Amino acid sequence: MGIKVSIVGATGNVGREFLSIIEERKFPVEELFLLASSKSEGKKLSFGKKEISVLDLNKFNFKKCDLVFFSAGSKIASQFAPKATDSGCIIIDNSSYFRMDPNVPLIVPEVNSKDLQTIKKKIIANPNCSTIQMVMVLKPLHDIARIKRVVVATYQSTSGAGRPQMDELFEQTKDIFANKKIKKKFFTKQIAFNVIPHIDNFLDNGQTKEEWKMQVETQKIMNEDIKVSATCVRVPVFIGHGEAVNIEFENEISEDKVRKTLKKSSGISVVDYRQDEGYVTPEECTGEDKVFVSRIRKDNTLKNGISLWIVADNLRKGAALNAIQIGEELIKKKILKK
């Protein structure tokens, strides 16, 4: 016996990663339902050695499954998650819709899996991809030296916005070499050979919503009032988010202690050599499950400051893998029973 699982948004970037990772990790699936809009109904997606037909989400009866992975945006989550929970399903949602609901735990398993015991709505939220990779690194360091403040600049790939945005980068790059007029559809500025300091909507205080998410999600996940200042930037990369992070600690901490602590931390790989190629870039982390840390160094402008570089595959640990790990924790804690 296994778990009856459905994936909402199965045809998208993250939906396809769900299929790959479920197979890789041998998640105990008894039956798998792939759900999308009516436009994708009947489309076949590969899962292992077989192909599964996509079903119309609007027609699906959620009483057929135990666990639902949502990866289709906030509007779909708001509309269909209550239907799924009313049918007895547990929901793991990748959108931002439930993240700041006080009755919904926001989970990174390596950081706060204990919060799964507080499920009240049968809904668990998956954090923002940039938040996930940052808190993976912050938590073990906070445990040994107490973090006061974090300043982060993100370098976020186009896949974080979606498949059409990846296509826009590809088409613009081709058009530049062909000396054609650049067409903008999804990004506010040209993305090819450029960087755009604007992700999500602007708020009244000048922050973008993406920057606000990193602040409030970090505080909720770590249950601490850590100050976070973020500048979120879209870069012309297909997959993989980078982050330049500056951390101010309450207590003294050395570079060596940071390295030793992170090397012992689950889900993290430290690649930090002060030489050419002695660091990890987004291109190298594509398809990898680990969060990679490089460029660890002392910030001499602060009493207890450390700067470092973080990269991760935003479609895997930043989305699908983290959600599947949450599902594994639910089984381990017997909240979800096979």
C-alpha atoms as a PDB file:
ATOM      1  CA  MET A   1       0.000   0.000   0.000  1.00  0.00           C
ATOM      2  CA  GLY A   2       1.101   3.561  -0.649  1.00  0.00           C
ATOM      3  CA  ILE A   3      -0.164   7.110  -0.862  1.00  0.00           C
ATOM      4  CA  LYS A   4      -2.666   8.281  -3.451  1.00  0.00           C
ATOM      5  CA  VAL A   5      -1.103  11.488  -4.775  1.00  0.00           C
ATOM      6  CA  SER A   6      -2.212  14.233  -7.118  1.00  0.00           C
ATOM      7  CA  ILE A   7      -0.140  17.058  -8.611  1.00  0.00           C
ATOM      8  CA  VAL A   8      -1.962  20.267  -9.481  1.00  0.00           C
ATOM      9  CA  GLY A   9      -0.058  22.129 -12.191  1.00  0.00           C
ATOM     10  CA  ALA A  10       1.618  18.958 -13.433  1.00  0.00           C
ATOM     11  CA  THR A  11       2.535  20.396 -16.846  1.00  0.00           C
ATOM     12  CA  GLY A  12       4.522  23.359 -15.470  1.00  0.00           C
ATOM     13  CA  ASN A  13       8.229  23.618 -14.643  1.00  0.00           C
ATOM     14  CA  VAL A  14       7.795  22.558 -11.022  1.00  0.00           C
ATOM     15  CA  GLY A  15       5.124  19.976 -11.848  1.00  0.00           C
ATOM     16  CA  ARG A  16       7.567  18.132 -14.091  1.00  0.00           C
ATOM     17  CA  GLU A  17      10.198  18.253 -11.347  1.00  0.00           C
ATOM     18  CA  PHE A  18       7.679  16.623  -8.999  1.00  0.00           C
ATOM     19  CA  LEU A  19       7.410  13.663 -11.369  1.00  0.00           C
ATOM     20  CA  SER A  20      11.170  13.292 -11.630  1.00  0.00           C
ATOM     21  CA  ILE A  21      11.839  13.574  -7.885  1.00  0.00           C
ATOM     22  CA  ILE A  22       8.969  11.296  -6.820  1.00  0.00           C
ATOM     23  CA  GLU A  23      10.509   8.593  -8.984  1.00  0.00           C
ATOM     24  CA  GLU A  24      14.105   9.289  -7.871  1.00  0.00           C
ATOM     25  CA  ARG A  25      13.275   9.210  -4.164  1.00  0.00           C
ATOM     26  CA  LYS A  26      10.850   6.300  -4.482  1.00  0.00           C
ATOM     27  CA  PHE A  27       8.115   8.246  -2.748  1.00  0.00           C
ATOM     28  CA  PRO A  28       5.468   5.621  -1.833  1.00  0.00           C
ATOM     29  CA  VAL A  29       2.869   6.376  -4.501  1.00  0.00           C
ATOM     30  CA  GLU A  30       0.037   3.894  -4.894  1.00  0.00           C
ATOM     31  CA  GLU A  31      -1.790   5.978  -7.501  1.00  0.00           C
ATOM     32  CA  LEU A  32      -0.782   9.239  -9.209  1.00  0.00           C
ATOM     33  CA  PHE A  33      -3.147  11.814 -10.695  1.00  0.00           C
ATOM     34  CA  LEU A  34      -1.769  14.610 -12.878  1.00  0.00           C
ATOM     35  CA  LEU A  35      -3.995  17.685 -12.923  1.00  0.00           C
ATOM     36  CA  ALA A  36      -3.940  20.841 -15.035  1.00  0.00           C
ATOM     37  CA  SER A  37      -6.306  23.146 -16.902  1.00  0.00           C
ATOM     38  CA  SER A  38      -8.731  21.837 -19.520  1.00  0.00           C
ATOM     39  CA  LYS A  39      -6.265  22.952 -22.239  1.00  0.00           C
ATOM     40  CA  SER A  40      -3.858  20.214 -21.129  1.00  0.00           C
ATOM     41  CA  GLU A  41      -6.450  17.465 -20.640  1.00  0.00           C
ATOM     42  CA  GLY A  42      -5.333  14.262 -22.355  1.00  0.00           C
ATOM     43  CA  LYS A  43      -1.710  15.337 -22.658  1.00  0.00           C
ATOM     44  CA  LYS A  44       0.657  12.534 -21.641  1.00  0.00           C
ATOM     45  CA  LEU A  45       3.572  12.983 -19.231  1.00  0.00           C
ATOM     46  CA  SER A  46       6.296  10.439 -18.562  1.00  0.00           C
ATOM     47  CA  PHE A  47       6.577   8.889 -15.131  1.00  0.00           C
ATOM     48  CA  GLY A  48       9.163   6.152 -14.895  1.00  0.00           C
ATOM     49  CA  LYS A  49       8.574   3.697 -17.724  1.00  0.00           C
ATOM     50  CA  LYS A  50       4.967   4.694 -18.307  1.00  0.00           C
ATOM     51  CA  GLU A  51       2.982   7.672 -19.475  1.00  0.00           C
ATOM     52  CA  ILE A  52       0.123   9.204 -17.518  1.00  0.00           C
ATOM     53  CA  SER A  53      -2.657  11.271 -19.059  1.00  0.00           C
ATOM     54  CA  VAL A  54      -3.303  14.728 -17.635  1.00  0.00           C
ATOM     55  CA  LEU A  55      -6.756  15.241 -16.144  1.00  0.00           C
ATOM     56  CA  ASP A  56      -8.868  18.388 -16.068  1.00  0.00           C
ATOM     57  CA  LEU A  57      -8.546  19.928 -12.601  1.00  0.00           C
ATOM     58  CA  ASN A  58     -12.100  21.321 -12.754  1.00  0.00           C
ATOM     59  CA  LYS A  59     -13.561  17.833 -13.136  1.00  0.00           C
ATOM     60  CA  PHE A  60     -11.379  16.000 -10.607  1.00  0.00           C
ATOM     61  CA  ASN A  61     -12.817  14.392  -7.467  1.00  0.00           C
ATOM     62  CA  PHE A  62     -10.257  14.899  -4.693  1.00  0.00           C
ATOM     63  CA  LYS A  63     -11.787  12.044  -2.684  1.00  0.00           C
ATOM     64  CA  LYS A  64      -9.621   9.790  -4.871  1.00  0.00           C
ATOM     65  CA  CYS A  65      -6.381  10.907  -3.196  1.00  0.00           C
ATOM     66  CA  ASP A  66      -4.665  11.399   0.171  1.00  0.00           C
ATOM     67  CA  LEU A  67      -2.025  14.032  -0.628  1.00  0.00           C
ATOM     68  CA  VAL A  68      -2.098  16.933  -3.086  1.00  0.00           C
ATOM     69  CA  PHE A  69       0.919  18.907  -4.261  1.00  0.00           C
ATOM     70  CA  PHE A  70      -0.227  22.306  -5.532  1.00  0.00           C
ATOM     71  CA  SER A  71       2.041  24.121  -7.982  1.00  0.00           C
ATOM     72  CA  ALA A  72      -0.263  26.290 -10.040  1.00  0.00           C
ATOM     73  CA  GLY A  73      -0.211  29.699  -8.371  1.00  0.00           C
ATOM     74  CA  SER A  74      -2.183  31.475  -5.663  1.00  0.00           C
ATOM     75  CA  LYS A  75      -5.458  31.801  -7.575  1.00  0.00           C
ATOM     76  CA  ILE A  76      -5.724  28.047  -8.158  1.00  0.00           C
ATOM     77  CA  ALA A  77      -4.656  27.287  -4.576  1.00  0.00           C
ATOM     78  CA  SER A  78      -7.316  29.616  -3.148  1.00  0.00           C
ATOM     79  CA  GLN A  79      -9.995  28.032  -5.327  1.00  0.00           C
ATOM     80  CA  PHE A  80      -9.160  24.325  -5.114  1.00  0.00           C
ATOM     81  CA  ALA A  81      -7.266  23.753  -1.839  1.00  0.00           C
ATOM     82  CA  PRO A  82     -10.462  24.051   0.274  1.00  0.00           C
ATOM     83  CA  LYS A  83     -12.163  21.522  -2.031  1.00  0.00           C
ATOM     84  CA  ALA A  84      -9.256  19.137  -1.536  1.00  0.00           C
ATOM     85  CA  THR A  85      -9.159  19.484   2.252  1.00  0.00           C
ATOM     86  CA  ASP A  86     -12.945  19.103   2.462  1.00  0.00           C
ATOM     87  CA  SER A  87     -12.423  15.790   0.645  1.00  0.00           C
ATOM     88  CA  GLY A  88      -9.984  14.665   3.348  1.00  0.00           C
ATOM     89  CA  CYS A  89      -6.695  15.414   1.542  1.00  0.00           C
ATOM     90  CA  ILE A  90      -3.572  16.954   3.014  1.00  0.00           C
ATOM     91  CA  ILE A  91      -2.280  19.842   0.896  1.00  0.00           C
ATOM     92  CA  ILE A  92       1.309  20.969   0.319  1.00  0.00           C
ATOM     93  CA  ASP A  93       1.109  24.267  -1.554  1.00  0.00           C
ATOM     94  CA  ASN A  94       3.937  25.906  -3.488  1.00  0.00           C
ATOM     95  CA  SER A  95       2.190  29.237  -3.992  1.00  0.00           C
ATOM     96  CA  SER A  96       2.368  32.230  -1.648  1.00  0.00           C
ATOM     97  CA  TYR A  97      -1.359  32.079  -0.846  1.00  0.00           C
ATOM     98  CA  PHE A  98      -1.192  30.287   2.544  1.00  0.00           C
ATOM     99  CA  ARG A  99       2.366  31.128   3.631  1.00  0.00           C
ATOM    100  CA  MET A 100       1.560  33.854   6.145  1.00  0.00           C
ATOM    101  CA  ASP A 101      -1.621  32.248   7.479  1.00  0.00           C
ATOM    102  CA  PRO A 102      -0.899  31.766  11.214  1.00  0.00           C
ATOM    103  CA  ASN A 103      -2.719  28.426  11.121  1.00  0.00           C
ATOM    104  CA  VAL A 104      -0.606  27.060   8.252  1.00  0.00           C
ATOM    105  CA  PRO A 105       2.967  25.895   8.977  1.00  0.00           C
ATOM    106  CA  LEU A 106       5.651  27.170   6.580  1.00  0.00           C
ATOM    107  CA  ILE A 107       8.142  24.346   6.328  1.00  0.00           C
ATOM    108  CA  VAL A 108      11.725  23.659   5.326  1.00  0.00           C
ATOM    109  CA  PRO A 109      12.219  20.119   6.703  1.00  0.00           C
ATOM    110  CA  GLU A 110      15.891  20.578   7.651  1.00  0.00           C
ATOM    111  CA  VAL A 111      14.968  23.726   9.601  1.00  0.00           C
ATOM    112  CA  ASN A 112      11.547  23.398  11.261  1.00  0.00           C
ATOM    113  CA  SER A 113       9.953  19.998  10.619  1.00  0.00           C
ATOM    114  CA  LYS A 114       8.725  20.068  14.235  1.00  0.00           C
ATOM    115  CA  ASP A 115       6.150  22.675  13.158  1.00  0.00           C
ATOM    116  CA  LEU A 116       4.333  19.974  11.191  1.00  0.00           C
ATOM    117  CA  GLN A 117       2.785  18.864  14.480  1.00  0.00           C
ATOM    118  CA  THR A 118       0.741  22.095  14.444  1.00  0.00           C
ATOM    119  CA  ILE A 119      -1.307  21.373  11.308  1.00  0.00           C
ATOM    120  CA  LYS A 120      -4.803  22.773  11.829  1.00  0.00           C
ATOM    121  CA  LYS A 121      -6.143  23.140   8.288  1.00  0.00           C
ATOM    122  CA  LYS A 122      -4.583  20.062   6.613  1.00  0.00           C
ATOM    123  CA  ILE A 123      -2.504  22.580   4.645  1.00  0.00           C
ATOM    124  CA  ILE A 124       1.286  23.033   4.664  1.00  0.00           C
ATOM    125  CA  ALA A 125       2.936  25.886   2.796  1.00  0.00           C
ATOM    126  CA  ASN A 126       6.175  25.609   0.842  1.00  0.00           C
ATOM    127  CA  PRO A 127       8.268  28.787   1.240  1.00  0.00           C
ATOM    128  CA  ASN A 128       9.540  31.039  -1.513  1.00  0.00           C
ATOM    129  CA  CYS A 129      12.456  29.455  -3.390  1.00  0.00           C
ATOM    130  CA  SER A 130      14.904  32.206  -2.381  1.00  0.00           C
ATOM    131  CA  THR A 131      13.858  31.952   1.260  1.00  0.00           C
ATOM    132  CA  ILE A 132      14.346  28.173   1.335  1.00  0.00           C
ATOM    133  CA  GLN A 133      17.991  28.197   0.297  1.00  0.00           C
ATOM    134  CA  MET A 134      18.808  31.113   2.602  1.00  0.00           C
ATOM    135  CA  VAL A 135      17.223  29.706   5.786  1.00  0.00           C
ATOM    136  CA  MET A 136      18.919  26.359   5.138  1.00  0.00           C
ATOM    137  CA  VAL A 137      22.199  28.206   5.727  1.00  0.00           C
ATOM    138  CA  LEU A 138      21.019  30.675   8.378  1.00  0.00           C
ATOM    139  CA  LYS A 139      19.491  28.149  10.807  1.00  0.00           C
ATOM    140  CA  PRO A 140      22.616  26.148  11.765  1.00  0.00           C
ATOM    141  CA  LEU A 141      24.612  29.387  12.096  1.00  0.00           C
ATOM    142  CA  HIS A 142      21.890  31.027  14.184  1.00  0.00           C
ATOM    143  CA  ASP A 143      21.950  28.043  16.541  1.00  0.00           C
ATOM    144  CA  ILE A 144      25.602  28.650  17.406  1.00  0.00           C
ATOM    145  CA  ALA A 145      25.991  32.445  17.277  1.00  0.00           C
ATOM    146  CA  ARG A 146      22.548  34.150  17.130  1.00  0.00           C
ATOM    147  CA  ILE A 147      21.831  36.176  13.998  1.00  0.00           C
ATOM    148  CA  LYS A 148      20.811  39.828  14.389  1.00  0.00           C
ATOM    149  CA  ARG A 149      20.563  41.020  10.787  1.00  0.00           C
ATOM    150  CA  VAL A 150      20.801  39.701   7.228  1.00  0.00           C
ATOM    151  CA  VAL A 151      21.380  41.711   4.060  1.00  0.00           C
ATOM    152  CA  VAL A 152      20.836  39.694   0.887  1.00  0.00           C
ATOM    153  CA  ALA A 153      20.971  40.415  -2.835  1.00  0.00           C
ATOM    154  CA  THR A 154      19.439  37.677  -4.964  1.00  0.00           C
ATOM    155  CA  TYR A 155      20.322  36.663  -8.519  1.00  0.00           C
ATOM    156  CA  GLN A 156      17.184  34.779  -9.541  1.00  0.00           C
ATOM    157  CA  SER A 157      16.824  32.728 -12.724  1.00  0.00           C
ATOM    158  CA  THR A 158      13.985  33.059 -15.192  1.00  0.00           C
ATOM    159  CA  SER A 159      12.575  29.607 -14.356  1.00  0.00           C
ATOM    160  CA  GLY A 160      11.453  31.092 -11.051  1.00  0.00           C
ATOM    161  CA  ALA A 161       8.919  33.093 -13.039  1.00  0.00           C
ATOM    162  CA  GLY A 162       7.815  30.245 -15.314  1.00  0.00           C
ATOM    163  CA  ARG A 163       8.320  28.467 -18.626  1.00  0.00           C
ATOM    164  CA  PRO A 164       7.127  31.418 -20.789  1.00  0.00           C
ATOM    165  CA  GLN A 165       9.693  33.651 -19.066  1.00  0.00           C
ATOM    166  CA  MET A 166      12.461  31.146 -19.820  1.00  0.00           C
ATOM    167  CA  ASP A 167      11.311  31.175 -23.434  1.00  0.00           C
ATOM    168  CA  GLU A 168      11.450  34.978 -23.464  1.00  0.00           C
ATOM    169  CA  LEU A 169      15.113  34.886 -22.397  1.00  0.00           C
ATOM    170  CA  PHE A 170      15.840  32.341 -25.143  1.00  0.00           C
ATOM    171  CA  GLU A 171      14.017  34.278 -27.867  1.00  0.00           C
ATOM    172  CA  GLN A 172      15.528  37.628 -26.908  1.00  0.00           C
ATOM    173  CA  THR A 173      19.023  36.116 -26.917  1.00  0.00           C
ATOM    174  CA  LYS A 174      18.455  34.734 -30.423  1.00  0.00           C
ATOM    175  CA  ASP A 175      17.029  38.056 -31.626  1.00  0.00           C
ATOM    176  CA  ILE A 176      20.032  40.008 -30.365  1.00  0.00           C
ATOM    177  CA  PHE A 177      22.405  37.831 -32.370  1.00  0.00           C
ATOM    178  CA  ALA A 178      20.109  38.096 -35.398  1.00  0.00           C
ATOM    179  CA  ASN A 179      19.979  41.896 -35.003  1.00  0.00           C
ATOM    180  CA  LYS A 180      16.198  41.803 -34.633  1.00  0.00           C
ATOM    181  CA  LYS A 181      13.989  44.042 -32.530  1.00  0.00           C
ATOM    182  CA  ILE A 182      13.719  42.828 -28.933  1.00  0.00           C
ATOM    183  CA  LYS A 183      10.197  41.912 -27.825  1.00  0.00           C
ATOM    184  CA  LYS A 184       9.184  42.219 -24.154  1.00  0.00           C
ATOM    185  CA  LYS A 185       6.120  40.330 -22.977  1.00  0.00           C
ATOM    186  CA  PHE A 186       6.607  38.956 -19.469  1.00  0.00           C
ATOM    187  CA  PHE A 187       9.511  41.009 -18.091  1.00  0.00           C
ATOM    188  CA  THR A 188       9.378  44.765 -17.545  1.00  0.00           C
ATOM    189  CA  LYS A 189      12.786  45.246 -19.189  1.00  0.00           C
ATOM    190  CA  GLN A 190      14.914  43.275 -21.640  1.00  0.00           C
ATOM    191  CA  ILE A 191      16.157  40.185 -19.778  1.00  0.00           C
ATOM    192  CA  ALA A 192      18.748  38.920 -22.279  1.00  0.00           C
ATOM    193  CA  PHE A 193      22.233  40.284 -21.426  1.00  0.00           C
ATOM    194  CA  ASN A 194      20.669  42.360 -18.640  1.00  0.00           C
ATOM    195  CA  VAL A 195      19.589  42.221 -14.987  1.00  0.00           C
ATOM    196  CA  ILE A 196      16.256  43.490 -13.662  1.00  0.00           C
ATOM    197  CA  PRO A 197      16.017  44.684 -10.011  1.00  0.00           C
ATOM    198  CA  HIS A 198      12.290  43.976  -9.872  1.00  0.00           C
ATOM    199  CA  ILE A 199      10.542  40.714  -8.936  1.00  0.00           C
ATOM    200  CA  ASP A 200       6.804  40.723  -8.136  1.00  0.00           C
ATOM    201  CA  ASN A 201       4.751  43.842  -7.428  1.00  0.00           C
ATOM    202  CA  PHE A 202       5.986  47.030  -5.773  1.00  0.00           C
ATOM    203  CA  LEU A 203       4.700  47.800  -2.266  1.00  0.00           C
ATOM    204  CA  ASP A 204       4.038  51.282  -0.865  1.00  0.00           C
ATOM    205  CA  ASN A 205       7.339  51.306   1.053  1.00  0.00           C
ATOM    206  CA  GLY A 206       9.409  50.748  -2.102  1.00  0.00           C
ATOM    207  CA  GLN A 207      10.065  47.059  -1.500  1.00  0.00           C
ATOM    208  CA  THR A 208       8.881  44.497  -3.990  1.00  0.00           C
ATOM    209  CA  LYS A 209       6.661  41.707  -2.721  1.00  0.00           C
ATOM    210  CA  GLU A 210       9.486  39.199  -3.341  1.00  0.00           C
ATOM    211  CA  GLU A 211      11.745  41.177  -0.996  1.00  0.00           C
ATOM    212  CA  TRP A 212       8.999  41.359   1.613  1.00  0.00           C
ATOM    213  CA  LYS A 213       8.446  37.597   1.341  1.00  0.00           C
ATOM    214  CA  MET A 214      12.084  36.875   2.161  1.00  0.00           C
ATOM    215  CA  GLN A 215      11.809  39.000   5.288  1.00  0.00           C
ATOM    216  CA  VAL A 216       8.538  37.713   6.743  1.00  0.00           C
ATOM    217  CA  GLU A 217       9.012  34.083   5.692  1.00  0.00           C
ATOM    218  CA  THR A 218      12.471  33.921   7.290  1.00  0.00           C
ATOM    219  CA  GLN A 219      11.021  35.206  10.545  1.00  0.00           C
ATOM    220  CA  LYS A 220       8.102  32.757  10.481  1.00  0.00           C
ATOM    221  CA  ILE A 221      10.232  29.714   9.642  1.00  0.00           C
ATOM    222  CA  MET A 222      12.923  30.462  12.222  1.00  0.00           C
ATOM    223  CA  ASN A 223      10.502  31.775  14.846  1.00  0.00           C
ATOM    224  CA  GLU A 224      12.829  34.708  15.435  1.00  0.00           C
ATOM    225  CA  ASP A 225      12.652  38.453  14.843  1.00  0.00           C
ATOM    226  CA  ILE A 226      15.736  38.472  12.616  1.00  0.00           C
ATOM    227  CA  LYS A 227      16.038  41.649  10.561  1.00  0.00           C
ATOM    228  CA  VAL A 228      16.212  40.935   6.837  1.00  0.00           C
ATOM    229  CA  SER A 229      16.934  43.459   4.081  1.00  0.00           C
ATOM    230  CA  ALA A 230      16.604  42.005   0.566  1.00  0.00           C
ATOM    231  CA  THR A 231      17.145  43.242  -2.964  1.00  0.00           C
ATOM    232  CA  CYS A 232      15.739  40.729  -5.442  1.00  0.00           C
ATOM    233  CA  VAL A 233      17.081  40.723  -8.988  1.00  0.00           C
ATOM    234  CA  ARG A 234      16.132  38.688 -12.072  1.00  0.00           C
ATOM    235  CA  VAL A 235      19.148  37.591 -14.123  1.00  0.00           C
ATOM    236  CA  PRO A 236      19.546  36.007 -17.601  1.00  0.00           C
ATOM    237  CA  VAL A 237      19.953  32.438 -16.307  1.00  0.00           C
ATOM    238  CA  PHE A 238      17.557  29.579 -17.030  1.00  0.00           C
ATOM    239  CA  ILE A 239      17.775  27.593 -13.762  1.00  0.00           C
ATOM    240  CA  GLY A 240      19.455  28.231 -10.401  1.00  0.00           C
ATOM    241  CA  HIS A 241      19.212  31.104  -7.931  1.00  0.00           C
ATOM    242  CA  GLY A 242      22.270  32.796  -6.438  1.00  0.00           C
ATOM    243  CA  GLU A 243      22.383  34.907  -3.271  1.00  0.00           C
ATOM    244  CA  ALA A 244      25.065  37.191  -1.882  1.00  0.00           C
ATOM    245  CA  VAL A 245      24.392  37.169   1.859  1.00  0.00           C
ATOM    246  CA  ASN A 246      25.856  39.339   4.618  1.00  0.00           C
ATOM    247  CA  ILE A 247      25.117  38.207   8.183  1.00  0.00           C
ATOM    248  CA  GLU A 248      25.562  40.122  11.424  1.00  0.00           C
ATOM    249  CA  PHE A 249      25.739  37.925  14.546  1.00  0.00           C
ATOM    250  CA  GLU A 250      25.220  38.734  18.224  1.00  0.00           C
ATOM    251  CA  ASN A 251      28.143  36.520  19.203  1.00  0.00           C
ATOM    252  CA  GLU A 252      31.626  36.086  17.804  1.00  0.00           C
ATOM    253  CA  ILE A 253      31.974  33.536  15.024  1.00  0.00           C
ATOM    254  CA  SER A 254      34.956  32.675  12.828  1.00  0.00           C
ATOM    255  CA  GLU A 255      35.100  31.714   9.159  1.00  0.00           C
ATOM    256  CA  ASP A 256      36.417  28.304  10.208  1.00  0.00           C
ATOM    257  CA  LYS A 257      33.457  27.760  12.551  1.00  0.00           C
ATOM    258  CA  VAL A 258      31.037  28.713   9.772  1.00  0.00           C
ATOM    259  CA  ARG A 259      32.620  26.195   7.394  1.00  0.00           C
ATOM    260  CA  LYS A 260      32.693  23.382   9.962  1.00  0.00           C
ATOM    261  CA  THR A 261      29.083  24.032  11.007  1.00  0.00           C
ATOM    262  CA  LEU A 262      27.723  24.126   7.468  1.00  0.00           C
ATOM    263  CA  LYS A 263      29.690  21.037   6.404  1.00  0.00           C
ATOM    264  CA  LYS A 264      27.888  19.102   9.140  1.00  0.00           C
ATOM    265  CA  SER A 265      24.451  20.484   8.196  1.00  0.00           C
ATOM    266  CA  SER A 266      21.946  18.339   6.307  1.00  0.00           C
ATOM    267  CA  GLY A 267      21.279  19.328   2.707  1.00  0.00           C
ATOM    268  CA  ILE A 268      24.254  21.703   2.441  1.00  0.00           C
ATOM    269  CA  SER A 269      27.483  21.331   0.496  1.00  0.00           C
ATOM    270  CA  VAL A 270      30.382  23.708   1.165  1.00  0.00           C
ATOM    271  CA  VAL A 271      32.593  24.361  -1.876  1.00  0.00           C
ATOM    272  CA  ASP A 272      34.874  27.183  -0.795  1.00  0.00           C
ATOM    273  CA  TYR A 273      38.358  27.426  -2.260  1.00  0.00           C
ATOM    274  CA  ARG A 274      40.055  30.788  -2.725  1.00  0.00           C
ATOM    275  CA  GLN A 275      41.131  30.134  -6.269  1.00  0.00           C
ATOM    276  CA  ASP A 276      39.742  30.134  -9.802  1.00  0.00           C
ATOM    277  CA  GLU A 277      36.648  27.891 -10.013  1.00  0.00           C
ATOM    278  CA  GLY A 278      36.693  27.345  -6.246  1.00  0.00           C
ATOM    279  CA  TYR A 279      32.998  28.199  -5.913  1.00  0.00           C
ATOM    280  CA  VAL A 280      29.643  27.024  -7.267  1.00  0.00           C
ATOM    281  CA  THR A 281      27.546  28.872  -9.854  1.00  0.00           C
ATOM    282  CA  PRO A 282      23.880  28.424 -10.866  1.00  0.00           C
ATOM    283  CA  GLU A 283      24.860  26.446 -13.971  1.00  0.00           C
ATOM    284  CA  GLU A 284      26.643  23.850 -11.823  1.00  0.00           C
ATOM    285  CA  CYS A 285      23.831  23.452  -9.296  1.00  0.00           C
ATOM    286  CA  THR A 286      21.176  22.659 -11.927  1.00  0.00           C
ATOM    287  CA  GLY A 287      19.711  19.224 -11.254  1.00  0.00           C
ATOM    288  CA  GLU A 288      21.312  19.026  -7.795  1.00  0.00           C
ATOM    289  CA  ASP A 289      19.431  18.630  -4.511  1.00  0.00           C
ATOM    290  CA  LYS A 290      21.978  20.358  -2.270  1.00  0.00           C
ATOM    291  CA  VAL A 291      22.228  24.005  -1.306  1.00  0.00           C
ATOM    292  CA  PHE A 292      25.792  25.077  -2.115  1.00  0.00           C
ATOM    293  CA  VAL A 293      27.780  27.599  -0.075  1.00  0.00           C
ATOM    294  CA  SER A 294      30.943  29.347  -1.292  1.00  0.00           C
ATOM    295  CA  ARG A 295      32.956  32.552  -0.762  1.00  0.00           C
ATOM    296  CA  ILE A 296      32.804  32.378   3.057  1.00  0.00           C
ATOM    297  CA  ARG A 297      34.708  35.347   4.502  1.00  0.00           C
ATOM    298  CA  LYS A 298      34.850  37.759   7.399  1.00  0.00           C
ATOM    299  CA  ASP A 299      33.163  41.143   7.038  1.00  0.00           C
ATOM    300  CA  ASN A 300      35.569  43.491   8.777  1.00  0.00           C
ATOM    301  CA  THR A 301      33.080  46.384   8.749  1.00  0.00           C
ATOM    302  CA  LEU A 302      31.033  44.612  11.431  1.00  0.00           C
ATOM    303  CA  LYS A 303      31.975  43.369  14.888  1.00  0.00           C
ATOM    304  CA  ASN A 304      30.601  39.900  14.142  1.00  0.00           C
ATOM    305  CA  GLY A 305      30.036  39.799  10.401  1.00  0.00           C
ATOM    306  CA  ILE A 306      30.261  37.049   7.794  1.00  0.00           C
ATOM    307  CA  SER A 307      29.643  37.242   4.033  1.00  0.00           C
ATOM    308  CA  LEU A 308      28.954  34.218   1.847  1.00  0.00           C
ATOM    309  CA  TRP A 309      27.486  33.054  -1.481  1.00  0.00           C
ATOM    310  CA  ILE A 310      24.597  30.580  -1.789  1.00  0.00           C
ATOM    311  CA  VAL A 311      23.274  28.803  -4.892  1.00  0.00           C
ATOM    312  CA  ALA A 312      20.581  26.166  -5.399  1.00  0.00           C
ATOM    313  CA  ASP A 313      18.363  24.706  -8.086  1.00  0.00           C
ATOM    314  CA  ASN A 314      15.182  26.729  -7.557  1.00  0.00           C
ATOM    315  CA  LEU A 315      12.966  24.102  -9.208  1.00  0.00           C
ATOM    316  CA  ARG A 316      14.240  21.313  -6.956  1.00  0.00           C
ATOM    317  CA  LYS A 317      15.162  22.348  -3.408  1.00  0.00           C
ATOM    318  CA  GLY A 318      13.502  25.693  -4.042  1.00  0.00           C
ATOM    319  CA  ALA A 319      10.181  24.041  -4.872  1.00  0.00           C
ATOM    320  CA  ALA A 320       9.441  20.397  -5.747  1.00  0.00           C
ATOM    321  CA  LEU A 321      12.087  18.653  -3.639  1.00  0.00           C
ATOM    322  CA  ASN A 322      11.254  20.663  -0.529  1.00  0.00           C
ATOM    323  CA  ALA A 323       7.555  19.816  -0.932  1.00  0.00           C
ATOM    324  CA  ILE A 324       8.275  16.104  -1.383  1.00  0.00           C
ATOM    325  CA  GLN A 325      10.543  16.149   1.675  1.00  0.00           C
ATOM    326  CA  ILE A 326       7.609  17.625   3.595  1.00  0.00           C
ATOM    327  CA  GLY A 327       5.509  14.690   2.384  1.00  0.00           C
ATOM    328  CA  GLU A 328       8.196  12.283   3.578  1.00  0.00           C
ATOM    329  CA  GLU A 329       8.171  13.961   6.995  1.00  0.00           C
ATOM    330  CA  LEU A 330       4.382  13.624   7.187  1.00  0.00           C
ATOM    331  CA  ILE A 331       4.763   9.874   6.609  1.00  0.00           C
ATOM    332  CA  LYS A 332       7.640   9.581   9.083  1.00  0.00           C
ATOM    333  CA  LYS A 333       5.626  11.409  11.760  1.00  0.00           C
ATOM    334  CA  LYS A 334       2.575   9.248  10.912  1.00  0.00           C
ATOM    335  CA  ILE A 335       0.511  12.336  10.126  1.00  0.00           C
ATOM    336  CA  LEU A 336       0.022  10.819   6.674  1.00  0.00           C
ATOM    337  CA  LYS A 337      -0.452   7.071   6.756  1.00  0.00           C
ATOM    338  CA  LYS A 338       0.366   4.587   3.987  1.00  0.00           C
END
